[in-house]
PDB file of N, CA and C in Angstrom:
ATOM      1  N   MET A   1     156.802  90.811  83.087  1.00  0.00           N
ATOM      2  CA  MET A   1     157.747  91.914  83.121  1.00  0.00           C
ATOM      3  C   MET A   1     159.139  91.379  82.837  1.00  0.00           C
ATOM      4  N   SER A   2     159.810  92.001  81.949  1.00  0.00           N
ATOM      5  CA  SER A   2     161.175  91.608  81.652  1.00  0.00           C
ATOM      6  C   SER A   2     162.088  92.788  81.916  1.00  0.00           C
ATOM      7  N   LEU A   3     163.195  92.530  82.573  1.00  0.00           N
ATOM      8  CA  LEU A   3     164.133  93.613  82.858  1.00  0.00           C
ATOM      9  C   LEU A   3     164.777  94.122  81.591  1.00  0.00           C
ATOM     10  N   ALA A   4     164.721  93.351  80.529  1.00  0.00           N
ATOM     11  CA  ALA A   4     165.283  93.794  79.255  1.00  0.00           C
ATOM     12  C   ALA A   4     164.490  94.976  78.695  1.00  0.00           C
ATOM     13  N   HIS A   5     163.231  95.105  79.102  1.00  0.00           N
ATOM     14  CA  HIS A   5     162.392  96.198  78.613  1.00  0.00           C
ATOM     15  C   HIS A   5     162.515  97.469  79.435  1.00  0.00           C
ATOM     16  N   ARG A   6     163.176  97.397  80.534  1.00  0.00           N
ATOM     17  CA  ARG A   6     163.339  98.553  81.412  1.00  0.00           C
ATOM     18  C   ARG A   6     164.695  99.180  81.129  1.00  0.00           C
ATOM     19  N   PRO A   7     164.736 100.424  80.625  1.00  0.00           N
ATOM     20  CA  PRO A   7     166.039 101.024  80.317  1.00  0.00           C
ATOM     21  C   PRO A   7     166.788 101.404  81.583  1.00  0.00           C
ATOM     22  N   ILE A   8     167.980 100.879  81.702  1.00  0.00           N
ATOM     23  CA  ILE A   8     168.880 101.226  82.794  1.00  0.00           C
ATOM     24  C   ILE A   8     170.146 101.741  82.137  1.00  0.00           C
ATOM     25  N   ALA A   9     170.763 102.708  82.762  1.00  0.00           N
ATOM     26  CA  ALA A   9     171.932 103.364  82.171  1.00  0.00           C
ATOM     27  C   ALA A   9     172.991 102.372  81.728  1.00  0.00           C
ATOM     28  N   SER A  10     173.634 102.684  80.650  1.00  0.00           N
ATOM     29  CA  SER A  10     174.734 101.850  80.176  1.00  0.00           C
ATOM     30  C   SER A  10     176.060 102.524  80.500  1.00  0.00           C
ATOM     31  N   HIS A  11     177.143 101.807  80.299  1.00  0.00           N
ATOM     32  CA  HIS A  11     178.486 102.256  80.664  1.00  0.00           C
ATOM     33  C   HIS A  11     178.959 103.414  79.787  1.00  0.00           C
ATOM     34  N   ARG A  12     179.373 104.473  80.394  1.00  0.00           N
ATOM     35  CA  ARG A  12     180.049 105.558  79.688  1.00  0.00           C
ATOM     36  C   ARG A  12     180.696 106.464  80.726  1.00  0.00           C
ATOM     37  N   CYS A  13     181.869 106.943  80.401  1.00  0.00           N
ATOM     38  CA  CYS A  13     182.579 107.840  81.303  1.00  0.00           C
ATOM     39  C   CYS A  13     182.307 109.272  80.896  1.00  0.00           C
ATOM     40  N   ILE A  14     181.971 110.084  81.877  1.00  0.00           N
ATOM     41  CA  ILE A  14     181.699 111.486  81.627  1.00  0.00           C
ATOM     42  C   ILE A  14     183.013 112.256  81.605  1.00  0.00           C
ATOM     43  N   CYS A  15     183.888 111.909  82.500  1.00  0.00           N
ATOM     44  CA  CYS A  15     185.230 112.472  82.542  1.00  0.00           C
ATOM     45  C   CYS A  15     186.126 111.426  83.190  1.00  0.00           C
ATOM     46  N   GLU A  16     187.355 111.738  83.426  1.00  0.00           N
ATOM     47  CA  GLU A  16     188.269 110.758  84.001  1.00  0.00           C
ATOM     48  C   GLU A  16     187.830 110.281  85.377  1.00  0.00           C
ATOM     49  N   ASP A  17     187.174 111.119  86.139  1.00  0.00           N
ATOM     50  CA  ASP A  17     186.837 110.789  87.518  1.00  0.00           C
ATOM     51  C   ASP A  17     185.410 110.298  87.729  1.00  0.00           C
ATOM     52  N   MET A  18     184.555 110.417  86.715  1.00  0.00           N
ATOM     53  CA  MET A  18     183.151 110.074  86.931  1.00  0.00           C
ATOM     54  C   MET A  18     182.627 109.185  85.812  1.00  0.00           C
ATOM     55  N   CYS A  19     182.281 107.971  86.174  1.00  0.00           N
ATOM     56  CA  CYS A  19     181.731 107.030  85.206  1.00  0.00           C
ATOM     57  C   CYS A  19     180.280 106.726  85.543  1.00  0.00           C
ATOM     58  N   VAL A  20     179.549 106.391  84.505  1.00  0.00           N
ATOM     59  CA  VAL A  20     178.193 105.897  84.670  1.00  0.00           C
ATOM     60  C   VAL A  20     178.299 104.384  84.602  1.00  0.00           C
ATOM     61  N   TYR A  21     177.782 103.723  85.627  1.00  0.00           N
ATOM     62  CA  TYR A  21     177.882 102.276  85.705  1.00  0.00           C
ATOM     63  C   TYR A  21     176.719 101.613  84.987  1.00  0.00           C
ATOM     64  N   GLU A  22     177.019 100.530  84.328  1.00  0.00           N
ATOM     65  CA  GLU A  22     175.993  99.704  83.714  1.00  0.00           C
ATOM     66  C   GLU A  22     175.394  98.834  84.813  1.00  0.00           C
ATOM     67  N   ILE A  23     174.092  98.618  84.759  1.00  0.00           N
ATOM     68  CA  ILE A  23     173.404  97.785  85.734  1.00  0.00           C
ATOM     69  C   ILE A  23     173.087  96.448  85.069  1.00  0.00           C
ATOM     70  N   ARG A  24     173.522  95.365  85.693  1.00  0.00           N
ATOM     71  CA  ARG A  24     173.205  94.019  85.203  1.00  0.00           C
ATOM     72  C   ARG A  24     172.505  93.251  86.312  1.00  0.00           C
ATOM     73  N   PHE A  25     171.428  92.560  85.948  1.00  0.00           N
ATOM     74  CA  PHE A  25     170.643  91.802  86.906  1.00  0.00           C
ATOM     75  C   PHE A  25     170.973  90.318  86.802  1.00  0.00           C
ATOM     76  N   ALA A  26     171.188  89.680  87.942  1.00  0.00           N
ATOM     77  CA  ALA A  26     171.405  88.239  87.988  1.00  0.00           C
ATOM     78  C   ALA A  26     170.103  87.526  87.630  1.00  0.00           C
ATOM     79  N   GLU A  27     170.212  86.246  87.299  1.00  0.00           N
ATOM     80  CA  GLU A  27     169.049  85.466  86.877  1.00  0.00           C
ATOM     81  C   GLU A  27     167.874  85.518  87.832  1.00  0.00           C
ATOM     82  N   GLY A  28     168.088  85.348  89.109  1.00  0.00           N
ATOM     83  CA  GLY A  28     166.999  85.270  90.068  1.00  0.00           C
ATOM     84  C   GLY A  28     166.329  86.584  90.410  1.00  0.00           C
ATOM     85  N   VAL A  29     166.906  87.696  89.987  1.00  0.00           N
ATOM     86  CA  VAL A  29     166.361  89.009  90.361  1.00  0.00           C
ATOM     87  C   VAL A  29     164.998  89.250  89.723  1.00  0.00           C
ATOM     88  N   GLU A  30     164.821  88.839  88.483  1.00  0.00           N
ATOM     89  CA  GLU A  30     163.528  89.027  87.824  1.00  0.00           C
ATOM     90  C   GLU A  30     162.432  88.293  88.595  1.00  0.00           C
ATOM     91  N   GLU A  31     162.738  87.102  89.062  1.00  0.00           N
ATOM     92  CA  GLU A  31     161.783  86.331  89.870  1.00  0.00           C
ATOM     93  C   GLU A  31     161.518  87.042  91.201  1.00  0.00           C
ATOM     94  N   ASP A  32     162.591  87.564  91.831  1.00  0.00           N
ATOM     95  CA  ASP A  32     162.417  88.323  93.079  1.00  0.00           C
ATOM     96  C   ASP A  32     161.453  89.484  92.862  1.00  0.00           C
ATOM     97  N   LEU A  33     161.642  90.211  91.769  1.00  0.00           N
ATOM     98  CA  LEU A  33     160.821  91.395  91.502  1.00  0.00           C
ATOM     99  C   LEU A  33     159.378  91.040  91.171  1.00  0.00           C
ATOM    100  N   ARG A  34     159.162  89.910  90.523  1.00  0.00           N
ATOM    101  CA  ARG A  34     157.788  89.484  90.191  1.00  0.00           C
ATOM    102  C   ARG A  34     156.951  89.256  91.449  1.00  0.00           C
ATOM    103  N   LYS A  35     157.605  88.880  92.527  1.00  0.00           N
ATOM    104  CA  LYS A  35     156.899  88.608  93.784  1.00  0.00           C
ATOM    105  C   LYS A  35     156.485  89.880  94.513  1.00  0.00           C
ATOM    106  N   ILE A  36     156.983  91.016  94.049  1.00  0.00           N
ATOM    107  CA  ILE A  36     156.738  92.294  94.723  1.00  0.00           C
ATOM    108  C   ILE A  36     155.641  93.058  93.983  1.00  0.00           C
ATOM    109  N   ARG A  37     154.740  93.663  94.733  1.00  0.00           N
ATOM    110  CA  ARG A  37     153.661  94.443  94.123  1.00  0.00           C
ATOM    111  C   ARG A  37     154.246  95.524  93.222  1.00  0.00           C
ATOM    112  N   ILE A  38     153.550  95.819  92.133  1.00  0.00           N
ATOM    113  CA  ILE A  38     154.049  96.704  91.082  1.00  0.00           C
ATOM    114  C   ILE A  38     154.471  98.075  91.620  1.00  0.00           C
ATOM    115  N   TYR A  39     153.730  98.620  92.565  1.00  0.00           N
ATOM    116  CA  TYR A  39     154.069  99.927  93.132  1.00  0.00           C
ATOM    117  C   TYR A  39     155.467  99.908  93.746  1.00  0.00           C
ATOM    118  N   TYR A  40     155.737  98.900  94.576  1.00  0.00           N
ATOM    119  CA  TYR A  40     157.040  98.789  95.232  1.00  0.00           C
ATOM    120  C   TYR A  40     158.117  98.381  94.230  1.00  0.00           C
ATOM    121  N   ARG A  41     157.753  97.534  93.280  1.00  0.00           N
ATOM    122  CA  ARG A  41     158.704  97.131  92.246  1.00  0.00           C
ATOM    123  C   ARG A  41     159.227  98.350  91.487  1.00  0.00           C
ATOM    124  N   ASN A  42     158.318  99.241  91.118  1.00  0.00           N
ATOM    125  CA  ASN A  42     158.739 100.457  90.403  1.00  0.00           C
ATOM    126  C   ASN A  42     159.616 101.346  91.278  1.00  0.00           C
ATOM    127  N   GLN A  43     159.300 101.441  92.559  1.00  0.00           N
ATOM    128  CA  GLN A  43     160.151 102.203  93.478  1.00  0.00           C
ATOM    129  C   GLN A  43     161.555 101.616  93.532  1.00  0.00           C
ATOM    130  N   ILE A  44     161.627 100.308  93.577  1.00  0.00           N
ATOM    131  CA  ILE A  44     162.925  99.624  93.655  1.00  0.00           C
ATOM    132  C   ILE A  44     163.723  99.869  92.381  1.00  0.00           C
ATOM    133  N   LEU A  45     163.098  99.685  91.226  1.00  0.00           N
ATOM    134  CA  LEU A  45     163.802  99.887  89.955  1.00  0.00           C
ATOM    135  C   LEU A  45     164.242 101.337  89.781  1.00  0.00           C
ATOM    136  N   ASP A  46     163.391 102.273  90.199  1.00  0.00           N
ATOM    137  CA  ASP A  46     163.768 103.697  90.135  1.00  0.00           C
ATOM    138  C   ASP A  46     164.965 103.975  91.039  1.00  0.00           C
ATOM    139  N   ALA A  47     164.943 103.419  92.242  1.00  0.00           N
ATOM    140  CA  ALA A  47     166.045 103.639  93.188  1.00  0.00           C
ATOM    141  C   ALA A  47     167.348 103.023  92.669  1.00  0.00           C
ATOM    142  N   ILE A  48     167.261 101.855  92.059  1.00  0.00           N
ATOM    143  CA  ILE A  48     168.455 101.234  91.476  1.00  0.00           C
ATOM    144  C   ILE A  48     169.056 102.169  90.440  1.00  0.00           C
ATOM    145  N   GLU A  49     168.213 102.684  89.578  1.00  0.00           N
ATOM    146  CA  GLU A  49     168.706 103.574  88.523  1.00  0.00           C
ATOM    147  C   GLU A  49     169.256 104.886  89.089  1.00  0.00           C
ATOM    148  N   GLU A  50     168.592 105.442  90.072  1.00  0.00           N
ATOM    149  CA  GLU A  50     169.019 106.725  90.637  1.00  0.00           C
ATOM    150  C   GLU A  50     170.269 106.601  91.507  1.00  0.00           C
ATOM    151  N   GLN A  51     170.372 105.521  92.273  1.00  0.00           N
ATOM    152  CA  GLN A  51     171.415 105.446  93.287  1.00  0.00           C
ATOM    153  C   GLN A  51     172.617 104.581  92.934  1.00  0.00           C
ATOM    154  N   LEU A  52     172.491 103.716  91.929  1.00  0.00           N
ATOM    155  CA  LEU A  52     173.598 102.816  91.637  1.00  0.00           C
ATOM    156  C   LEU A  52     174.324 103.132  90.335  1.00  0.00           C
ATOM    157  N   VAL A  53     173.840 104.061  89.571  1.00  0.00           N
ATOM    158  CA  VAL A  53     174.473 104.395  88.294  1.00  0.00           C
ATOM    159  C   VAL A  53     175.742 105.220  88.502  1.00  0.00           C
ATOM    160  N   HIS A  54     175.747 106.078  89.505  1.00  0.00           N
ATOM    161  CA  HIS A  54     176.912 106.906  89.823  1.00  0.00           C
ATOM    162  C   HIS A  54     177.438 106.520  91.202  1.00  0.00           C
ATOM    163  N   GLU A  55     178.699 106.235  91.306  1.00  0.00           N
ATOM    164  CA  GLU A  55     179.364 105.948  92.580  1.00  0.00           C
ATOM    165  C   GLU A  55     178.607 104.922  93.440  1.00  0.00           C
ATOM    166  N   PRO A  56     178.357 103.730  92.907  1.00  0.00           N
ATOM    167  CA  PRO A  56     177.616 102.722  93.677  1.00  0.00           C
ATOM    168  C   PRO A  56     178.405 102.148  94.847  1.00  0.00           C
ATOM    169  N   ASP A  57     179.708 102.423  94.883  1.00  0.00           N
ATOM    170  CA  ASP A  57     180.550 101.884  95.956  1.00  0.00           C
ATOM    171  C   ASP A  57     180.936 102.946  96.980  1.00  0.00           C
ATOM    172  N   ILE A  58     180.095 103.958  97.108  1.00  0.00           N
ATOM    173  CA  ILE A  58     180.258 104.999  98.121  1.00  0.00           C
ATOM    174  C   ILE A  58     179.133 104.833  99.143  1.00  0.00           C
ATOM    175  N   ARG A  59     179.502 104.800 100.416  1.00  0.00           N
ATOM    176  CA  ARG A  59     178.487 104.678 101.475  1.00  0.00           C
ATOM    177  C   ARG A  59     177.606 105.928 101.507  1.00  0.00           C
ATOM    178  N   THR A  60     176.306 105.695 101.670  1.00  0.00           N
ATOM    179  CA  THR A  60     175.345 106.783 101.850  1.00  0.00           C
ATOM    180  C   THR A  60     174.379 106.362 102.952  1.00  0.00           C
ATOM    181  N   ARG A  61     173.377 107.171 103.159  1.00  0.00           N
ATOM    182  CA  ARG A  61     172.368 106.844 104.158  1.00  0.00           C
ATOM    183  C   ARG A  61     171.626 105.542 103.811  1.00  0.00           C
ATOM    184  N   ASN A  62     171.489 105.256 102.518  1.00  0.00           N
ATOM    185  CA  ASN A  62     170.743 104.073 102.088  1.00  0.00           C
ATOM    186  C   ASN A  62     171.608 102.957 101.515  1.00  0.00           C
ATOM    187  N   ARG A  63     172.911 103.183 101.443  1.00  0.00           N
ATOM    188  CA  ARG A  63     173.821 102.172 100.895  1.00  0.00           C
ATOM    189  C   ARG A  63     174.902 101.849 101.909  1.00  0.00           C
ATOM    190  N   LYS A  64     175.146 100.549 102.088  1.00  0.00           N
ATOM    191  CA  LYS A  64     176.241 100.184 102.982  1.00  0.00           C
ATOM    192  C   LYS A  64     176.912  98.909 102.495  1.00  0.00           C
ATOM    193  N   LEU A  65     178.186  98.826 102.797  1.00  0.00           N
ATOM    194  CA  LEU A  65     178.974  97.643 102.494  1.00  0.00           C
ATOM    195  C   LEU A  65     178.712  96.612 103.579  1.00  0.00           C
ATOM    196  N   LEU A  66     178.392  95.401 103.183  1.00  0.00           N
ATOM    197  CA  LEU A  66     178.111  94.338 104.147  1.00  0.00           C
ATOM    198  C   LEU A  66     179.395  93.557 104.389  1.00  0.00           C
ATOM    199  N   GLU A  67     180.128  94.002 105.367  1.00  0.00           N
ATOM    200  CA  GLU A  67     181.398  93.373 105.695  1.00  0.00           C
ATOM    201  C   GLU A  67     181.150  92.058 106.419  1.00  0.00           C
ATOM    202  N   ASN A  68     181.989  91.086 106.132  1.00  0.00           N
ATOM    203  CA  ASN A  68     181.938  89.762 106.770  1.00  0.00           C
ATOM    204  C   ASN A  68     180.666  88.979 106.456  1.00  0.00           C
ATOM    205  N   LEU A  69     179.956  89.351 105.403  1.00  0.00           N
ATOM    206  CA  LEU A  69     178.770  88.598 104.997  1.00  0.00           C
ATOM    207  C   LEU A  69     179.130  87.752 103.784  1.00  0.00           C
ATOM    208  N   ILE A  70     178.860  86.485 103.861  1.00  0.00           N
ATOM    209  CA  ILE A  70     179.118  85.594 102.737  1.00  0.00           C
ATOM    210  C   ILE A  70     177.765  85.276 102.096  1.00  0.00           C
ATOM    211  N   PRO A  71     177.516  85.833 100.918  1.00  0.00           N
ATOM    212  CA  PRO A  71     176.215  85.631 100.269  1.00  0.00           C
ATOM    213  C   PRO A  71     176.108  84.231  99.658  1.00  0.00           C
ATOM    214  N   PRO A  72     174.881  83.772  99.383  1.00  0.00           N
ATOM    215  CA  PRO A  72     174.686  82.439  98.804  1.00  0.00           C
ATOM    216  C   PRO A  72     174.895  82.398  97.289  1.00  0.00           C
ATOM    217  N   TRP A  73     175.480  83.419  96.711  1.00  0.00           N
ATOM    218  CA  TRP A  73     175.741  83.468  95.277  1.00  0.00           C
ATOM    219  C   TRP A  73     177.179  83.911  95.031  1.00  0.00           C
ATOM    220  N   GLN A  74     177.636  83.708  93.804  1.00  0.00           N
ATOM    221  CA  GLN A  74     178.981  84.116  93.401  1.00  0.00           C
ATOM    222  C   GLN A  74     179.013  85.636  93.221  1.00  0.00           C
ATOM    223  N   THR A  75     180.039  86.289  93.727  1.00  0.00           N
ATOM    224  CA  THR A  75     180.160  87.739  93.588  1.00  0.00           C
ATOM    225  C   THR A  75     181.490  88.114  92.960  1.00  0.00           C
ATOM    226  N   VAL A  76     181.507  89.315  92.396  1.00  0.00           N
ATOM    227  CA  VAL A  76     182.732  89.859  91.826  1.00  0.00           C
ATOM    228  C   VAL A  76     183.582  90.461  92.934  1.00  0.00           C
ATOM    229  N   ALA A  77     182.933  91.112  93.872  1.00  0.00           N
ATOM    230  CA  ALA A  77     183.618  91.796  94.973  1.00  0.00           C
ATOM    231  C   ALA A  77     182.728  91.737  96.209  1.00  0.00           C
ATOM    232  N   SER A  78     183.042  92.551  97.191  1.00  0.00           N
ATOM    233  CA  SER A  78     182.237  92.614  98.413  1.00  0.00           C
ATOM    234  C   SER A  78     180.798  92.984  98.083  1.00  0.00           C
ATOM    235  N   ILE A  79     179.890  92.473  98.906  1.00  0.00           N
ATOM    236  CA  ILE A  79     178.468  92.704  98.661  1.00  0.00           C
ATOM    237  C   ILE A  79     178.003  93.985  99.348  1.00  0.00           C
ATOM    238  N   TRP A  80     177.153  94.731  98.654  1.00  0.00           N
ATOM    239  CA  TRP A  80     176.571  95.972  99.150  1.00  0.00           C
ATOM    240  C   TRP A  80     175.076  95.786  99.313  1.00  0.00           C
ATOM    241  N   GLU A  81     174.494  96.647 100.154  1.00  0.00           N
ATOM    242  CA  GLU A  81     173.048  96.641 100.373  1.00  0.00           C
ATOM    243  C   GLU A  81     172.513  98.034 100.105  1.00  0.00           C
ATOM    244  N   LEU A  82     171.468  98.105  99.286  1.00  0.00           N
ATOM    245  CA  LEU A  82     170.748  99.354  99.037  1.00  0.00           C
ATOM    246  C   LEU A  82     169.397  99.219  99.724  1.00  0.00           C
ATOM    247  N   ARG A  83     169.101 100.161 100.603  1.00  0.00           N
ATOM    248  CA  ARG A  83     167.848 100.134 101.369  1.00  0.00           C
ATOM    249  C   ARG A  83     166.807 100.988 100.672  1.00  0.00           C
ATOM    250  N   ILE A  84     165.648 100.377 100.391  1.00  0.00           N
ATOM    251  CA  ILE A  84     164.517 101.082  99.784  1.00  0.00           C
ATOM    252  C   ILE A  84     163.293 100.714 100.598  1.00  0.00           C
ATOM    253  N   GLY A  85     162.949 101.540 101.570  1.00  0.00           N
ATOM    254  CA  GLY A  85     161.842 101.208 102.462  1.00  0.00           C
ATOM    255  C   GLY A  85     162.137  99.909 103.184  1.00  0.00           C
ATOM    256  N   GLU A  86     161.211  98.958 103.085  1.00  0.00           N
ATOM    257  CA  GLU A  86     161.431  97.671 103.746  1.00  0.00           C
ATOM    258  C   GLU A  86     162.083  96.646 102.819  1.00  0.00           C
ATOM    259  N   TYR A  87     162.516  97.086 101.652  1.00  0.00           N
ATOM    260  CA  TYR A  87     163.188  96.197 100.701  1.00  0.00           C
ATOM    261  C   TYR A  87     164.682  96.464 100.677  1.00  0.00           C
ATOM    262  N   ARG A  88     165.431  95.405 100.345  1.00  0.00           N
ATOM    263  CA  ARG A  88     166.885  95.505 100.244  1.00  0.00           C
ATOM    264  C   ARG A  88     167.321  94.964  98.887  1.00  0.00           C
ATOM    265  N   VAL A  89     168.197  95.716  98.230  1.00  0.00           N
ATOM    266  CA  VAL A  89     168.802  95.284  96.976  1.00  0.00           C
ATOM    267  C   VAL A  89     170.245  94.933  97.300  1.00  0.00           C
ATOM    268  N   PHE A  90     170.635  93.711  96.969  1.00  0.00           N
ATOM    269  CA  PHE A  90     172.001  93.262  97.233  1.00  0.00           C
ATOM    270  C   PHE A  90     172.754  93.266  95.915  1.00  0.00           C
ATOM    271  N   TYR A  91     173.929  93.879  95.932  1.00  0.00           N
ATOM    272  CA  TYR A  91     174.683  94.031  94.693  1.00  0.00           C
ATOM    273  C   TYR A  91     176.174  94.053  94.979  1.00  0.00           C
ATOM    274  N   ASP A  92     176.952  93.840  93.919  1.00  0.00           N
ATOM    275  CA  ASP A  92     178.392  94.034  94.012  1.00  0.00           C
ATOM    276  C   ASP A  92     178.820  94.858  92.804  1.00  0.00           C
ATOM    277  N   VAL A  93     180.021  95.415  92.895  1.00  0.00           N
ATOM    278  CA  VAL A  93     180.496  96.382  91.912  1.00  0.00           C
ATOM    279  C   VAL A  93     181.826  95.929  91.325  1.00  0.00           C
ATOM    280  N   SER A  94     181.935  96.048  90.020  1.00  0.00           N
ATOM    281  CA  SER A  94     183.205  95.818  89.338  1.00  0.00           C
ATOM    282  C   SER A  94     183.669  97.161  88.784  1.00  0.00           C
ATOM    283  N   PRO A  95     184.531  97.873  89.526  1.00  0.00           N
ATOM    284  CA  PRO A  95     184.979  99.189  89.065  1.00  0.00           C
ATOM    285  C   PRO A  95     185.768  99.129  87.758  1.00  0.00           C
ATOM    286  N   THR A  96     186.490  98.037  87.526  1.00  0.00           N
ATOM    287  CA  THR A  96     187.275  97.941  86.291  1.00  0.00           C
ATOM    288  C   THR A  96     186.383  97.824  85.062  1.00  0.00           C
ATOM    289  N   GLU A  97     185.222  97.182  85.210  1.00  0.00           N
ATOM    290  CA  GLU A  97     184.262  97.048  84.109  1.00  0.00           C
ATOM    291  C   GLU A  97     183.201  98.149  84.128  1.00  0.00           C
ATOM    292  N   SER A  98     183.150  98.908  85.228  1.00  0.00           N
ATOM    293  CA  SER A  98     182.078  99.900  85.457  1.00  0.00           C
ATOM    294  C   SER A  98     180.705  99.235  85.374  1.00  0.00           C
ATOM    295  N   VAL A  99     180.576  98.127  86.118  1.00  0.00           N
ATOM    296  CA  VAL A  99     179.324  97.368  86.124  1.00  0.00           C
ATOM    297  C   VAL A  99     178.888  97.126  87.560  1.00  0.00           C
ATOM    298  N   VAL A 100     177.586  97.302  87.784  1.00  0.00           N
ATOM    299  CA  VAL A 100     176.950  96.935  89.052  1.00  0.00           C
ATOM    300  C   VAL A 100     176.151  95.664  88.780  1.00  0.00           C
ATOM    301  N   TYR A 101     176.421  94.634  89.558  1.00  0.00           N
ATOM    302  CA  TYR A 101     175.697  93.371  89.427  1.00  0.00           C
ATOM    303  C   TYR A 101     174.671  93.276  90.546  1.00  0.00           C
ATOM    304  N   VAL A 102     173.394  93.404  90.205  1.00  0.00           N
ATOM    305  CA  VAL A 102     172.322  93.258  91.184  1.00  0.00           C
ATOM    306  C   VAL A 102     172.081  91.762  91.348  1.00  0.00           C
ATOM    307  N   ARG A 103     172.264  91.263  92.577  1.00  0.00           N
ATOM    308  CA  ARG A 103     172.215  89.819  92.836  1.00  0.00           C
ATOM    309  C   ARG A 103     170.890  89.345  93.410  1.00  0.00           C
ATOM    310  N   ALA A 104     170.210  90.210  94.184  1.00  0.00           N
ATOM    311  CA  ALA A 104     168.954  89.789  94.810  1.00  0.00           C
ATOM    312  C   ALA A 104     168.195  91.017  95.306  1.00  0.00           C
ATOM    313  N   VAL A 105     166.870  90.865  95.411  1.00  0.00           N
ATOM    314  CA  VAL A 105     165.997  91.877  96.009  1.00  0.00           C
ATOM    315  C   VAL A 105     165.141  91.138  97.014  1.00  0.00           C
ATOM    316  N   ARG A 106     165.170  91.596  98.249  1.00  0.00           N
ATOM    317  CA  ARG A 106     164.435  90.907  99.318  1.00  0.00           C
ATOM    318  C   ARG A 106     163.700  91.917 100.200  1.00  0.00           C
ATOM    319  N   ARG A 107     162.603  91.450 100.783  1.00  0.00           N
ATOM    320  CA  ARG A 107     161.889  92.240 101.780  1.00  0.00           C
ATOM    321  C   ARG A 107     162.503  91.921 103.133  1.00  0.00           C
ATOM    322  N   LYS A 108     162.797  92.953 103.884  1.00  0.00           N
ATOM    323  CA  LYS A 108     163.380  92.768 105.213  1.00  0.00           C
ATOM    324  C   LYS A 108     162.373  93.251 106.244  1.00  0.00           C
ATOM    325  N   ALA A 109     161.799  92.311 106.940  1.00  0.00           N
ATOM    326  CA  ALA A 109     160.822  92.653 107.975  1.00  0.00           C
ATOM    327  C   ALA A 109     161.525  93.325 109.140  1.00  0.00           C
ATOM    328  N   ARG A 110     160.809  94.199 109.809  1.00  0.00           N
ATOM    329  CA  ARG A 110     161.362  94.895 110.979  1.00  0.00           C
ATOM    330  C   ARG A 110     161.820  93.873 112.018  1.00  0.00           C
ATOM    331  N   GLY A 111     163.027  94.063 112.499  1.00  0.00           N
ATOM    332  CA  GLY A 111     163.579  93.190 113.523  1.00  0.00           C
ATOM    333  C   GLY A 111     164.337  91.986 112.982  1.00  0.00           C
ATOM    334  N   SER A 112     164.290  91.777 111.661  1.00  0.00           N
ATOM    335  CA  SER A 112     165.020  90.632 111.104  1.00  0.00           C
ATOM    336  C   SER A 112     166.441  91.050 110.733  1.00  0.00           C
ATOM    337  N   LYS A 113     167.308  90.066 110.621  1.00  0.00           N
ATOM    338  CA  LYS A 113     168.693  90.324 110.273  1.00  0.00           C
ATOM    339  C   LYS A 113     168.898  90.098 108.775  1.00  0.00           C
ATOM    340  N   THR A 114     169.890  90.771 108.225  1.00  0.00           N
ATOM    341  CA  THR A 114     170.195  90.623 106.807  1.00  0.00           C
ATOM    342  C   THR A 114     170.469  89.167 106.461  1.00  0.00           C
ATOM    343  N   GLU A 115     171.208  88.476 107.312  1.00  0.00           N
ATOM    344  CA  GLU A 115     171.534  87.068 107.066  1.00  0.00           C
ATOM    345  C   GLU A 115     170.280  86.203 106.948  1.00  0.00           C
ATOM    346  N   ASP A 116     169.210  86.607 107.634  1.00  0.00           N
ATOM    347  CA  ASP A 116     167.966  85.833 107.623  1.00  0.00           C
ATOM    348  C   ASP A 116     167.214  85.928 106.295  1.00  0.00           C
ATOM    349  N   ILE A 117     167.413  87.003 105.563  1.00  0.00           N
ATOM    350  CA  ILE A 117     166.635  87.195 104.334  1.00  0.00           C
ATOM    351  C   ILE A 117     167.376  86.736 103.079  1.00  0.00           C
ATOM    352  N   LEU A 118     168.639  86.399 103.235  1.00  0.00           N
ATOM    353  CA  LEU A 118     169.385  85.907 102.078  1.00  0.00           C
ATOM    354  C   LEU A 118     169.183  84.414 101.981  1.00  0.00           C
TER     355      LEU A 118
END
């Protein structure tokens, strides 16, 4: 499976106030996704496309800003977490470029801390 074959929205502004963000995957994300069963992998990719293309830096029931967390990778800005069942997508947002950088996808077991899965 290659992420290059999966269409994810590209950058374009609909109006002055609403942009569609381009989704870019870090190198290790493809490997993270290969470890996940295809059913859950498709759920994760669908959720990324549905929830991160518009306003990825707005808190929702499934999205939160991880304050005071220092991730093990280089980021553009503060790191966010998208919750999809027992999986977590870690990403950061560059509003000036209208790009969401997906940095990692991890399974979070019940009772574990975010710091433990990074």
